[in-house]
């Protein structure tokens, strides 16, 4: 889905900006979105929306990124 692609693109950008790995950033986003032990592929649209919001917030608050 488009939401899943957006989550992965945001995570890649955040990982690049933070100097961490994609997998580490993915785990941070899952924790922030309340999806700690769930695969993004198994998430509902609402859960993916929470992950996208977590990416946007993290990017804005810590890296001055606009991930909209």
Protein backbone atom coordinates (compact mmCIF):
# COMPACT_ATOMS: atom_id res chain seq x y z
CA UNK A 1 0.00 0.00 0.00
CA UNK A 2 0.98 3.63 -0.32
CA UNK A 3 1.02 4.03 3.46
CA UNK A 4 3.52 1.20 3.89
CA UNK A 5 5.77 2.73 1.23
CA UNK A 6 5.51 6.11 3.00
CA UNK A 7 6.49 4.58 6.36
CA UNK A 8 9.53 2.89 4.84
CA UNK A 9 10.59 6.04 2.98
CA UNK A 10 10.30 8.11 6.15
CA UNK A 11 12.26 5.55 8.16
CA UNK A 12 15.04 5.54 5.53
CA UNK A 13 15.27 9.32 5.69
CA UNK A 14 15.28 9.38 9.49
CA UNK A 15 17.94 6.68 9.63
CA UNK A 16 20.11 8.63 7.19
CA UNK A 17 19.74 11.86 9.17
CA UNK A 18 20.35 10.23 12.53
CA UNK A 19 23.26 8.04 11.43
CA UNK A 20 21.52 4.89 12.63
CA UNK A 21 20.48 1.79 10.74
CA UNK A 22 17.14 1.32 9.03
CA UNK A 23 16.27 -1.53 11.43
CA UNK A 24 17.12 0.51 14.53
CA UNK A 25 15.00 3.42 13.31
CA UNK A 26 12.18 1.06 12.38
CA UNK A 27 12.15 -0.24 15.96
CA UNK A 28 12.11 3.32 17.33
CA UNK A 29 9.13 4.21 15.13
CA UNK A 30 7.28 1.03 16.06
CA UNK A 31 7.77 1.82 19.75
CA UNK A 32 6.62 5.43 19.30
CA UNK A 33 3.54 4.29 17.36
CA UNK A 34 2.65 1.57 19.88
CA UNK A 35 3.41 -1.24 17.42
CA UNK A 36 6.47 -2.65 19.15
CA UNK A 37 6.10 -6.34 18.23
CA UNK A 38 4.03 -5.99 15.07
CA UNK A 39 5.20 -6.09 11.46
CA UNK A 40 4.24 -3.04 9.42
CA UNK A 41 2.93 -5.44 6.76
CA UNK A 42 0.35 -6.70 9.26
CA UNK A 43 -0.80 -3.23 10.35
CA UNK A 44 -4.18 -1.69 9.67
CA UNK A 45 -4.49 1.65 7.89
CA UNK A 46 -4.95 3.36 11.24
CA UNK A 47 -1.84 1.73 12.68
CA UNK A 48 0.20 2.77 9.64
CA UNK A 49 -1.16 6.30 10.09
CA UNK A 50 0.19 6.26 13.67
CA UNK A 51 3.58 5.15 12.35
CA UNK A 52 3.61 7.92 9.74
CA UNK A 53 2.70 10.47 12.41
CA UNK A 54 5.51 9.14 14.62
CA UNK A 55 7.96 9.58 11.73
CA UNK A 56 6.76 13.11 11.02
CA UNK A 57 6.96 14.10 14.69
CA UNK A 58 10.41 12.59 15.17
CA UNK A 59 11.70 14.23 12.01
CA UNK A 60 10.32 17.63 12.95
CA UNK A 61 11.28 17.59 16.61
CA UNK A 62 14.78 16.12 16.39
CA UNK A 63 16.11 16.60 12.87
CA UNK A 64 14.24 19.63 11.51
CA UNK A 65 12.88 17.47 8.67
CA UNK A 66 9.58 17.96 6.89
CA UNK A 67 8.43 14.43 6.07
CA UNK A 68 4.89 15.32 4.92
